[in-house]
């Protein structure tokens, strides 16, 4: 069942489908589109914050919110996140911590998401990269 989410985005949930957990199946939105390049766990100075998936995810999400802020947007405007991880077992084993980190940084806004395991990322030591798309409603 589709419906509005309070930010001008229309959530697309086909009737009869089970509700997804931690994301939505689709979003229709109108406004200014903000594309955020893949963010890794770099601090503002360009150093990885630590070796763990949870540490790097926390920083990658903070980096996304910083880029969104430059466009006058916030996590509530996200319509899509694509996660690239180098170790799916580490991801699955950290779901509880990752959920807590996600809520701490992004709140309880869950856009469409995809998660892909990759062999490696460009930056040595990076274990997660997250790209984002947001739509800021027109005033």
N, C-alpha and C. Protein backbone atom coordinates (compact mmCIF):
# COMPACT_ATOMS: atom_id res chain seq x y z
N UNK A 1 0.84 -1.18 0.00
CA UNK A 1 0.00 0.00 0.00
C UNK A 1 0.89 1.24 0.00
N UNK A 2 0.66 2.12 -0.92
CA UNK A 2 1.46 3.33 -1.03
C UNK A 2 0.92 4.41 -0.12
N UNK A 3 1.78 5.37 0.23
CA UNK A 3 1.34 6.48 1.06
C UNK A 3 2.41 7.54 1.15
N UNK A 4 2.03 8.73 1.64
CA UNK A 4 2.96 9.84 1.82
C UNK A 4 3.78 9.61 3.08
N UNK A 5 5.01 10.12 3.09
CA UNK A 5 5.87 9.96 4.26
C UNK A 5 6.04 11.24 5.05
N UNK A 6 5.34 12.31 4.73
CA UNK A 6 5.44 13.56 5.47
C UNK A 6 6.51 14.50 4.95
N UNK A 7 7.31 14.09 4.00
CA UNK A 7 8.35 14.94 3.43
C UNK A 7 8.10 15.20 1.95
N UNK A 8 6.91 14.89 1.48
CA UNK A 8 6.60 15.06 0.07
C UNK A 8 7.00 13.87 -0.77
N UNK A 9 7.50 12.82 -0.15
CA UNK A 9 7.85 11.60 -0.86
C UNK A 9 6.70 10.62 -0.74
N UNK A 10 6.43 9.93 -1.82
CA UNK A 10 5.37 8.93 -1.79
C UNK A 10 6.03 7.55 -1.72
N UNK A 11 5.72 6.82 -0.66
CA UNK A 11 6.27 5.48 -0.47
C UNK A 11 5.48 4.52 -1.34
N UNK A 12 6.19 3.68 -2.08
CA UNK A 12 5.57 2.73 -3.01
C UNK A 12 5.68 1.33 -2.43
N UNK A 13 4.55 0.79 -2.03
CA UNK A 13 4.49 -0.54 -1.43
C UNK A 13 3.36 -1.31 -2.11
N UNK A 14 3.68 -2.17 -3.06
CA UNK A 14 2.62 -2.91 -3.75
C UNK A 14 1.72 -3.68 -2.78
N UNK A 15 0.45 -3.62 -3.04
CA UNK A 15 -0.53 -4.30 -2.20
C UNK A 15 -0.25 -5.80 -2.16
N UNK A 16 -0.31 -6.36 -0.98
CA UNK A 16 -0.10 -7.78 -0.80
C UNK A 16 1.34 -8.17 -0.55
N UNK A 17 2.28 -7.24 -0.74
CA UNK A 17 3.69 -7.54 -0.48
C UNK A 17 3.95 -7.43 1.02
N UNK A 18 4.84 -8.28 1.53
CA UNK A 18 5.27 -8.16 2.92
C UNK A 18 6.03 -6.85 3.09
N UNK A 19 5.85 -6.23 4.25
CA UNK A 19 6.55 -4.97 4.53
C UNK A 19 8.04 -5.24 4.65
N UNK A 20 8.88 -4.45 3.97
CA UNK A 20 10.32 -4.64 4.08
C UNK A 20 10.81 -4.19 5.46
N UNK A 21 11.96 -4.69 5.86
CA UNK A 21 12.53 -4.35 7.17
C UNK A 21 13.78 -3.50 6.96
N UNK A 22 13.75 -2.26 7.45
CA UNK A 22 14.92 -1.40 7.37
C UNK A 22 15.07 -0.62 6.08
N UNK A 23 14.10 -0.71 5.19
CA UNK A 23 14.12 0.05 3.94
C UNK A 23 12.70 0.07 3.39
N UNK A 24 12.48 0.75 2.28
CA UNK A 24 11.19 0.72 1.58
C UNK A 24 11.42 0.19 0.18
N UNK A 25 10.33 -0.31 -0.45
CA UNK A 25 10.45 -0.87 -1.80
C UNK A 25 10.60 0.18 -2.87
N UNK A 26 9.99 1.32 -2.69
CA UNK A 26 10.08 2.37 -3.70
C UNK A 26 9.68 3.71 -3.14
N UNK A 27 10.16 4.77 -3.79
CA UNK A 27 9.83 6.14 -3.40
C UNK A 27 9.61 6.94 -4.68
N UNK A 28 8.53 7.70 -4.72
CA UNK A 28 8.31 8.67 -5.79
C UNK A 28 8.47 10.04 -5.15
N UNK A 29 9.27 10.91 -5.78
CA UNK A 29 9.54 12.21 -5.18
C UNK A 29 9.71 13.27 -6.27
N UNK A 30 9.42 14.49 -5.91
CA UNK A 30 9.58 15.61 -6.82
C UNK A 30 10.33 16.71 -6.08
N UNK A 31 11.33 17.31 -6.74
CA UNK A 31 12.09 18.39 -6.11
C UNK A 31 13.51 18.43 -6.65
N UNK A 32 14.40 18.99 -5.86
CA UNK A 32 15.81 19.08 -6.23
C UNK A 32 16.49 17.78 -5.86
N UNK A 33 17.11 17.14 -6.85
CA UNK A 33 17.79 15.87 -6.61
C UNK A 33 19.24 16.14 -6.21
N UNK A 34 19.67 15.47 -5.16
CA UNK A 34 21.03 15.59 -4.65
C UNK A 34 21.68 14.21 -4.76
N UNK A 35 22.78 14.13 -5.49
CA UNK A 35 23.51 12.88 -5.66
C UNK A 35 24.78 12.96 -4.82
N UNK A 36 24.98 11.99 -3.95
CA UNK A 36 26.16 11.96 -3.08
C UNK A 36 27.05 10.81 -3.53
N UNK A 37 28.27 11.13 -3.89
CA UNK A 37 29.24 10.11 -4.31
C UNK A 37 29.46 9.11 -3.18
N UNK A 38 29.96 7.95 -3.53
CA UNK A 38 30.24 6.93 -2.53
C UNK A 38 31.12 7.48 -1.43
N UNK A 39 30.65 7.33 -0.19
CA UNK A 39 31.38 7.81 0.97
C UNK A 39 31.94 6.63 1.74
N UNK A 40 33.18 6.77 2.18
CA UNK A 40 33.80 5.73 2.99
C UNK A 40 34.04 6.28 4.39
N UNK A 41 34.69 5.50 5.24
CA UNK A 41 34.92 5.89 6.62
C UNK A 41 36.09 6.82 6.84
N UNK A 42 36.23 7.81 5.98
CA UNK A 42 37.26 8.83 6.14
C UNK A 42 36.77 9.91 7.07
N UNK A 43 37.66 10.39 7.94
CA UNK A 43 37.34 11.57 8.72
C UNK A 43 37.54 12.79 7.82
N UNK A 44 37.20 13.99 8.29
CA UNK A 44 37.35 15.18 7.44
C UNK A 44 38.76 15.41 6.90
N UNK A 45 39.76 14.85 7.58
CA UNK A 45 41.14 15.00 7.11
C UNK A 45 41.57 13.95 6.11
N UNK A 46 40.70 12.99 5.82
CA UNK A 46 41.01 11.98 4.82
C UNK A 46 41.65 10.72 5.36
N UNK A 47 41.56 10.49 6.68
CA UNK A 47 42.12 9.26 7.27
C UNK A 47 40.97 8.33 7.66
N UNK A 48 41.16 7.04 7.42
CA UNK A 48 40.15 6.07 7.85
C UNK A 48 40.04 6.10 9.37
N UNK A 49 38.80 6.03 9.89
CA UNK A 49 38.57 6.15 11.32
C UNK A 49 38.91 4.88 12.09
N UNK A 50 39.06 3.78 11.42
CA UNK A 50 39.38 2.51 12.07
C UNK A 50 39.16 1.39 11.09
N UNK A 51 39.52 0.17 11.48
CA UNK A 51 39.42 -0.95 10.56
C UNK A 51 38.05 -1.62 10.50
N UNK A 52 37.19 -1.40 11.50
CA UNK A 52 35.96 -2.19 11.58
C UNK A 52 34.84 -1.64 10.70
N UNK A 53 33.96 -2.55 10.31
CA UNK A 53 32.80 -2.18 9.51
C UNK A 53 31.93 -1.16 10.23
N UNK A 54 31.71 -1.36 11.51
CA UNK A 54 30.85 -0.45 12.27
C UNK A 54 31.46 0.94 12.36
N UNK A 55 32.75 1.02 12.66
CA UNK A 55 33.42 2.33 12.72
C UNK A 55 33.34 3.05 11.38
N UNK A 56 33.68 2.33 10.33
CA UNK A 56 33.69 2.96 9.01
C UNK A 56 32.29 3.32 8.53
N UNK A 57 31.31 2.49 8.84
CA UNK A 57 29.93 2.81 8.46
C UNK A 57 29.46 4.07 9.17
N UNK A 58 29.75 4.18 10.45
CA UNK A 58 29.36 5.37 11.20
C UNK A 58 29.90 6.62 10.52
N UNK A 59 31.18 6.61 10.17
CA UNK A 59 31.77 7.79 9.54
C UNK A 59 31.23 8.01 8.14
N UNK A 60 31.03 6.94 7.38
CA UNK A 60 30.48 7.10 6.02
C UNK A 60 29.10 7.75 6.09
N UNK A 61 28.27 7.33 7.03
CA UNK A 61 26.93 7.94 7.19
C UNK A 61 27.05 9.40 7.61
N UNK A 62 27.98 9.70 8.50
CA UNK A 62 28.20 11.10 8.89
C UNK A 62 28.65 11.93 7.69
N UNK A 63 29.49 11.34 6.84
CA UNK A 63 29.95 12.04 5.65
C UNK A 63 28.78 12.34 4.71
N UNK A 64 27.88 11.37 4.57
CA UNK A 64 26.69 11.58 3.74
C UNK A 64 25.87 12.74 4.28
N UNK A 65 25.64 12.78 5.59
CA UNK A 65 24.83 13.87 6.15
C UNK A 65 25.52 15.21 5.96
N UNK A 66 26.85 15.24 6.01
CA UNK A 66 27.57 16.50 5.80
C UNK A 66 27.39 16.99 4.37
N UNK A 67 27.46 16.08 3.40
CA UNK A 67 27.27 16.48 2.00
C UNK A 67 25.81 16.92 1.80
N UNK A 68 24.87 16.19 2.36
CA UNK A 68 23.46 16.59 2.24
C UNK A 68 23.24 17.99 2.80
N UNK A 69 23.86 18.29 3.94
CA UNK A 69 23.69 19.61 4.56
C UNK A 69 24.14 20.72 3.63
N UNK A 70 25.16 20.47 2.81
CA UNK A 70 25.62 21.47 1.84
C UNK A 70 24.53 21.83 0.84
N UNK A 71 23.58 20.93 0.63
CA UNK A 71 22.47 21.18 -0.30
C UNK A 71 21.20 21.59 0.44
N UNK A 72 21.31 21.85 1.74
CA UNK A 72 20.13 22.19 2.53
C UNK A 72 19.24 20.99 2.78
N UNK A 73 19.81 19.81 2.75
CA UNK A 73 19.05 18.57 2.92
C UNK A 73 19.51 17.85 4.18
N UNK A 74 18.74 16.84 4.55
CA UNK A 74 19.09 16.00 5.68
C UNK A 74 18.73 14.57 5.37
N UNK A 75 18.98 13.68 6.31
CA UNK A 75 18.67 12.26 6.10
C UNK A 75 17.21 12.01 5.72
N UNK A 76 16.32 12.86 6.18
CA UNK A 76 14.90 12.69 5.87
C UNK A 76 14.60 12.87 4.38
N UNK A 77 15.53 13.44 3.63
CA UNK A 77 15.32 13.64 2.20
C UNK A 77 15.89 12.51 1.35
N UNK A 78 16.58 11.56 1.98
CA UNK A 78 17.14 10.43 1.24
C UNK A 78 16.04 9.60 0.59
N UNK A 79 16.29 9.21 -0.65
CA UNK A 79 15.37 8.29 -1.34
C UNK A 79 16.08 6.99 -1.71
N UNK A 80 17.42 6.98 -1.65
CA UNK A 80 18.15 5.76 -2.01
C UNK A 80 19.53 5.76 -1.38
N UNK A 81 19.92 4.59 -0.87
CA UNK A 81 21.29 4.32 -0.43
C UNK A 81 21.75 3.03 -1.09
N UNK A 82 22.97 3.04 -1.60
CA UNK A 82 23.57 1.81 -2.11
C UNK A 82 24.83 1.57 -1.31
N UNK A 83 24.87 0.41 -0.66
CA UNK A 83 25.98 0.02 0.19
C UNK A 83 26.85 -0.99 -0.55
N UNK A 84 28.15 -0.80 -0.46
CA UNK A 84 29.12 -1.75 -0.99
C UNK A 84 29.98 -2.19 0.19
N UNK A 85 30.00 -3.49 0.47
CA UNK A 85 30.80 -4.01 1.58
C UNK A 85 31.74 -5.08 1.05
N UNK A 86 32.88 -5.20 1.71
CA UNK A 86 33.86 -6.19 1.28
C UNK A 86 33.67 -7.53 1.96
N UNK A 87 32.81 -7.60 2.99
CA UNK A 87 32.62 -8.84 3.73
C UNK A 87 31.16 -8.96 4.18
N UNK A 88 30.38 -9.72 3.44
CA UNK A 88 28.96 -9.86 3.76
C UNK A 88 28.76 -10.54 5.12
N UNK A 89 29.63 -11.47 5.48
CA UNK A 89 29.51 -12.11 6.79
C UNK A 89 29.71 -11.10 7.92
N UNK A 90 30.66 -10.19 7.76
CA UNK A 90 30.87 -9.14 8.75
C UNK A 90 29.63 -8.25 8.84
N UNK A 91 29.03 -7.94 7.70
CA UNK A 91 27.81 -7.14 7.69
C UNK A 91 26.70 -7.87 8.46
N UNK A 92 26.45 -9.11 8.10
CA UNK A 92 25.38 -9.87 8.76
C UNK A 92 25.65 -10.02 10.25
N UNK A 93 26.91 -10.19 10.62
CA UNK A 93 27.26 -10.35 12.02
C UNK A 93 27.20 -9.07 12.83
N UNK A 94 27.06 -7.94 12.15
CA UNK A 94 27.04 -6.64 12.82
C UNK A 94 25.69 -5.94 12.70
N UNK A 95 24.65 -6.66 12.29
CA UNK A 95 23.36 -6.01 12.01
C UNK A 95 22.83 -5.20 13.18
N UNK A 96 22.91 -5.74 14.37
CA UNK A 96 22.38 -5.01 15.54
C UNK A 96 23.13 -3.69 15.74
N UNK A 97 24.46 -3.76 15.71
CA UNK A 97 25.27 -2.54 15.88
C UNK A 97 25.05 -1.57 14.72
N UNK A 98 25.00 -2.10 13.50
CA UNK A 98 24.78 -1.24 12.34
C UNK A 98 23.43 -0.56 12.40
N UNK A 99 22.41 -1.28 12.87
CA UNK A 99 21.09 -0.68 13.02
C UNK A 99 21.11 0.47 14.02
N UNK A 100 21.81 0.27 15.13
CA UNK A 100 21.92 1.33 16.15
C UNK A 100 22.65 2.54 15.58
N UNK A 101 23.78 2.29 14.89
CA UNK A 101 24.57 3.37 14.29
C UNK A 101 23.72 4.11 13.26
N UNK A 102 23.02 3.37 12.42
CA UNK A 102 22.19 3.99 11.39
C UNK A 102 21.18 4.93 12.05
N UNK A 103 20.45 4.44 13.06
CA UNK A 103 19.44 5.27 13.72
C UNK A 103 20.07 6.48 14.41
N UNK A 104 21.26 6.31 15.00
CA UNK A 104 21.93 7.43 15.67
C UNK A 104 22.27 8.54 14.68
N UNK A 105 22.70 8.17 13.48
CA UNK A 105 23.13 9.17 12.50
C UNK A 105 21.98 9.62 11.60
N UNK A 106 21.16 8.68 11.14
CA UNK A 106 20.13 8.97 10.14
C UNK A 106 18.73 9.10 10.72
N UNK A 107 18.54 8.74 11.96
CA UNK A 107 17.21 8.77 12.53
C UNK A 107 16.43 7.54 12.08
N UNK A 108 15.13 7.66 12.06
CA UNK A 108 14.28 6.54 11.69
C UNK A 108 13.70 6.71 10.28
N UNK A 109 14.51 7.25 9.41
CA UNK A 109 14.13 7.40 8.00
C UNK A 109 14.81 6.29 7.21
N UNK A 110 14.01 5.50 6.52
CA UNK A 110 14.54 4.35 5.79
C UNK A 110 14.18 4.47 4.31
N UNK A 111 15.14 4.88 3.47
CA UNK A 111 14.89 4.99 2.03
C UNK A 111 15.00 3.63 1.35
N UNK A 112 14.91 3.62 0.05
CA UNK A 112 15.22 2.39 -0.69
C UNK A 112 16.70 2.11 -0.50
N UNK A 113 17.05 0.84 -0.45
CA UNK A 113 18.45 0.48 -0.25
C UNK A 113 18.80 -0.76 -1.04
N UNK A 114 20.07 -0.82 -1.42
CA UNK A 114 20.65 -2.01 -2.00
C UNK A 114 21.97 -2.25 -1.29
N UNK A 115 22.34 -3.52 -1.15
CA UNK A 115 23.58 -3.91 -0.51
C UNK A 115 24.29 -4.90 -1.41
N UNK A 116 25.55 -4.61 -1.72
CA UNK A 116 26.32 -5.43 -2.64
C UNK A 116 27.66 -5.76 -2.00
N UNK A 117 28.07 -7.02 -2.08
CA UNK A 117 29.42 -7.38 -1.66
C UNK A 117 30.35 -7.22 -2.86
N UNK A 118 31.49 -6.57 -2.61
CA UNK A 118 32.49 -6.38 -3.64
C UNK A 118 33.81 -7.00 -3.19
N UNK A 119 34.68 -7.28 -4.13
CA UNK A 119 35.97 -7.88 -3.80
C UNK A 119 36.84 -6.89 -3.01
N UNK A 120 36.85 -5.64 -3.46
CA UNK A 120 37.61 -4.62 -2.74
C UNK A 120 37.09 -3.25 -3.15
N UNK A 121 37.52 -2.24 -2.40
CA UNK A 121 37.19 -0.85 -2.70
C UNK A 121 38.49 -0.15 -3.11
N UNK A 122 38.37 1.00 -3.73
CA UNK A 122 39.54 1.70 -4.26
C UNK A 122 40.51 2.07 -3.15
N UNK A 123 39.99 2.58 -2.04
CA UNK A 123 40.86 3.03 -0.95
C UNK A 123 41.33 1.84 -0.12
N UNK A 124 42.64 1.62 -0.02
CA UNK A 124 43.13 0.51 0.81
C UNK A 124 42.63 0.63 2.24
N UNK A 125 42.13 -0.46 2.78
CA UNK A 125 41.63 -0.48 4.15
C UNK A 125 40.15 -0.18 4.28
N UNK A 126 39.54 0.37 3.23
CA UNK A 126 38.11 0.66 3.29
C UNK A 126 37.33 -0.65 3.18
N UNK A 127 36.32 -0.82 4.05
CA UNK A 127 35.51 -2.03 4.04
C UNK A 127 34.05 -1.76 3.70
N UNK A 128 33.68 -0.48 3.59
CA UNK A 128 32.32 -0.11 3.22
C UNK A 128 32.36 1.21 2.46
N UNK A 129 31.49 1.31 1.47
CA UNK A 129 31.28 2.56 0.74
C UNK A 129 29.78 2.69 0.53
N UNK A 130 29.24 3.88 0.76
CA UNK A 130 27.80 4.10 0.64
C UNK A 130 27.56 5.32 -0.23
N UNK A 131 26.76 5.14 -1.29
CA UNK A 131 26.36 6.28 -2.11
C UNK A 131 24.90 6.58 -1.84
N UNK A 132 24.52 7.84 -2.06
CA UNK A 132 23.18 8.28 -1.67
C UNK A 132 22.55 9.17 -2.72
N UNK A 133 21.23 9.13 -2.76
CA UNK A 133 20.43 10.05 -3.57
C UNK A 133 19.34 10.61 -2.67
N UNK A 134 19.16 11.91 -2.70
CA UNK A 134 18.13 12.57 -1.91
C UNK A 134 17.32 13.47 -2.83
N UNK A 135 16.09 13.73 -2.44
CA UNK A 135 15.23 14.68 -3.16
C UNK A 135 14.67 15.66 -2.13
N UNK A 136 14.99 16.94 -2.33
CA UNK A 136 14.51 17.99 -1.45
C UNK A 136 13.27 18.58 -2.09
N UNK A 137 12.10 18.48 -1.43
CA UNK A 137 10.87 19.01 -2.02
C UNK A 137 10.99 20.51 -2.30
N UNK A 138 10.35 20.94 -3.38
CA UNK A 138 10.32 22.36 -3.70
C UNK A 138 9.44 23.07 -2.66
N UNK A 139 9.80 24.30 -2.31
CA UNK A 139 8.98 25.03 -1.32
C UNK A 139 7.59 25.33 -1.84
